[in-house]
């Protein structure tokens, strides 16, 4: 895991951070992690699986279509044509 050092944090900000951590029943360090995670990984972010499912639904794909694609992945490849 990465470690981060925050320099020149004002006393007021540090005090407010400690109070916020106490309200959430966690350490100041855990509170900082939570704040940073929420800032860079918001809950409304687009998830790849969700995007793919929505694209499939918009295209009208069914479970049968997906099963046919999966069967194609496990099928033996075609033999190349031989001439002469």
C-alpha atoms as a PDB file:
ATOM      1  CA  UNK A   1       0.000   0.000   0.000  1.00  0.00           C
ATOM      2  CA  UNK A   2       1.100   3.517  -0.735  1.00  0.00           C
ATOM      3  CA  UNK A   3       1.847   6.026   1.990  1.00  0.00           C
ATOM      4  CA  UNK A   4       1.146   9.743   1.646  1.00  0.00           C
ATOM      5  CA  UNK A   5       2.502  12.626   3.683  1.00  0.00           C
ATOM      6  CA  UNK A   6       0.537  15.861   3.818  1.00  0.00           C
ATOM      7  CA  UNK A   7       2.677  18.851   4.650  1.00  0.00           C
ATOM      8  CA  UNK A   8       1.633  22.338   5.720  1.00  0.00           C
ATOM      9  CA  UNK A   9      -1.868  21.372   6.817  1.00  0.00           C
ATOM     10  CA  UNK A  10      -3.278  24.217   8.886  1.00  0.00           C
ATOM     11  CA  UNK A  11      -4.000  23.608  12.552  1.00  0.00           C
ATOM     12  CA  UNK A  12      -7.647  24.508  11.895  1.00  0.00           C
ATOM     13  CA  UNK A  13      -7.953  21.893   9.156  1.00  0.00           C
ATOM     14  CA  UNK A  14      -6.236  19.278  11.307  1.00  0.00           C
ATOM     15  CA  UNK A  15      -8.518  20.041  14.253  1.00  0.00           C
ATOM     16  CA  UNK A  16     -11.615  19.859  12.019  1.00  0.00           C
ATOM     17  CA  UNK A  17     -10.379  16.574  10.582  1.00  0.00           C
ATOM     18  CA  UNK A  18      -9.943  15.114  14.062  1.00  0.00           C
ATOM     19  CA  UNK A  19     -13.450  16.227  15.038  1.00  0.00           C
ATOM     20  CA  UNK A  20     -14.923  14.737  11.859  1.00  0.00           C
ATOM     21  CA  UNK A  21     -13.096  11.465  12.540  1.00  0.00           C
ATOM     22  CA  UNK A  22     -14.476  11.377  16.075  1.00  0.00           C
ATOM     23  CA  UNK A  23     -18.034  11.886  14.754  1.00  0.00           C
ATOM     24  CA  UNK A  24     -17.528   8.877  12.467  1.00  0.00           C
ATOM     25  CA  UNK A  25     -15.909   6.780  15.221  1.00  0.00           C
ATOM     26  CA  UNK A  26     -12.639   6.317  13.369  1.00  0.00           C
ATOM     27  CA  UNK A  27      -9.063   7.468  13.588  1.00  0.00           C
ATOM     28  CA  UNK A  28      -7.881  10.641  11.897  1.00  0.00           C
ATOM     29  CA  UNK A  29      -5.894   8.515   9.461  1.00  0.00           C
ATOM     30  CA  UNK A  30      -8.943   6.370   8.633  1.00  0.00           C
ATOM     31  CA  UNK A  31     -10.986   9.535   8.128  1.00  0.00           C
ATOM     32  CA  UNK A  32      -8.411  10.894   5.674  1.00  0.00           C
ATOM     33  CA  UNK A  33      -8.503   7.594   3.759  1.00  0.00           C
ATOM     34  CA  UNK A  34     -12.292   7.741   3.591  1.00  0.00           C
ATOM     35  CA  UNK A  35     -12.245  11.342   2.349  1.00  0.00           C
ATOM     36  CA  UNK A  36      -9.656  10.574  -0.325  1.00  0.00           C
ATOM     37  CA  UNK A  37     -11.453   7.402  -1.481  1.00  0.00           C
ATOM     38  CA  UNK A  38     -14.755   9.290  -1.767  1.00  0.00           C
ATOM     39  CA  UNK A  39     -13.056  12.064  -3.734  1.00  0.00           C
ATOM     40  CA  UNK A  40     -11.353   9.846  -6.301  1.00  0.00           C
ATOM     41  CA  UNK A  41     -13.829   6.955  -6.450  1.00  0.00           C
ATOM     42  CA  UNK A  42     -17.291   8.515  -6.295  1.00  0.00           C
ATOM     43  CA  UNK A  43     -20.246   6.118  -6.089  1.00  0.00           C
ATOM     44  CA  UNK A  44     -21.727   7.468  -9.334  1.00  0.00           C
ATOM     45  CA  UNK A  45     -18.648   6.465 -11.346  1.00  0.00           C
ATOM     46  CA  UNK A  46     -19.241   4.341 -14.413  1.00  0.00           C
ATOM     47  CA  UNK A  47     -18.485   0.677 -13.817  1.00  0.00           C
ATOM     48  CA  UNK A  48     -17.343  -1.322 -16.849  1.00  0.00           C
ATOM     49  CA  UNK A  49     -19.662  -4.275 -16.224  1.00  0.00           C
ATOM     50  CA  UNK A  50     -22.650  -1.973 -15.831  1.00  0.00           C
ATOM     51  CA  UNK A  51     -21.761  -0.133 -19.041  1.00  0.00           C
ATOM     52  CA  UNK A  52     -21.456  -3.395 -20.976  1.00  0.00           C
ATOM     53  CA  UNK A  53     -24.764  -4.696 -19.618  1.00  0.00           C
ATOM     54  CA  UNK A  54     -26.495  -1.458 -20.575  1.00  0.00           C
ATOM     55  CA  UNK A  55     -24.976  -1.562 -24.076  1.00  0.00           C
ATOM     56  CA  UNK A  56     -26.150  -5.156 -24.528  1.00  0.00           C
ATOM     57  CA  UNK A  57     -29.649  -4.296 -23.345  1.00  0.00           C
ATOM     58  CA  UNK A  58     -29.773  -1.285 -25.660  1.00  0.00           C
ATOM     59  CA  UNK A  59     -28.721  -3.523 -28.579  1.00  0.00           C
ATOM     60  CA  UNK A  60     -31.441  -6.036 -27.686  1.00  0.00           C
ATOM     61  CA  UNK A  61     -29.080  -8.900 -26.813  1.00  0.00           C
ATOM     62  CA  UNK A  62     -30.670 -11.825 -25.021  1.00  0.00           C
ATOM     63  CA  UNK A  63     -29.282 -14.621 -22.875  1.00  0.00           C
ATOM     64  CA  UNK A  64     -29.528 -16.857 -25.933  1.00  0.00           C
ATOM     65  CA  UNK A  65     -27.281 -14.498 -27.875  1.00  0.00           C
ATOM     66  CA  UNK A  66     -24.689 -14.584 -25.122  1.00  0.00           C
ATOM     67  CA  UNK A  67     -24.859 -18.389 -24.942  1.00  0.00           C
ATOM     68  CA  UNK A  68     -24.322 -18.614 -28.720  1.00  0.00           C
ATOM     69  CA  UNK A  69     -21.273 -16.375 -28.426  1.00  0.00           C
ATOM     70  CA  UNK A  70     -19.902 -18.515 -25.598  1.00  0.00           C
ATOM     71  CA  UNK A  71     -20.414 -21.702 -27.629  1.00  0.00           C
ATOM     72  CA  UNK A  72     -18.430 -20.090 -30.422  1.00  0.00           C
ATOM     73  CA  UNK A  73     -15.545 -19.472 -28.052  1.00  0.00           C
ATOM     74  CA  UNK A  74     -15.339 -23.139 -27.087  1.00  0.00           C
ATOM     75  CA  UNK A  75     -15.892 -24.539 -30.584  1.00  0.00           C
ATOM     76  CA  UNK A  76     -12.980 -26.117 -32.433  1.00  0.00           C
ATOM     77  CA  UNK A  77     -11.478 -23.703 -34.960  1.00  0.00           C
ATOM     78  CA  UNK A  78     -12.170 -24.378 -38.627  1.00  0.00           C
ATOM     79  CA  UNK A  79      -9.516 -26.198 -40.629  1.00  0.00           C
ATOM     80  CA  UNK A  80      -7.813 -24.008 -43.198  1.00  0.00           C
ATOM     81  CA  UNK A  81      -8.671 -24.649 -46.839  1.00  0.00           C
ATOM     82  CA  UNK A  82      -6.119 -26.574 -48.893  1.00  0.00           C
ATOM     83  CA  UNK A  83      -5.651 -25.819 -52.566  1.00  0.00           C
ATOM     84  CA  UNK A  84      -4.105 -28.229 -55.006  1.00  0.00           C
END
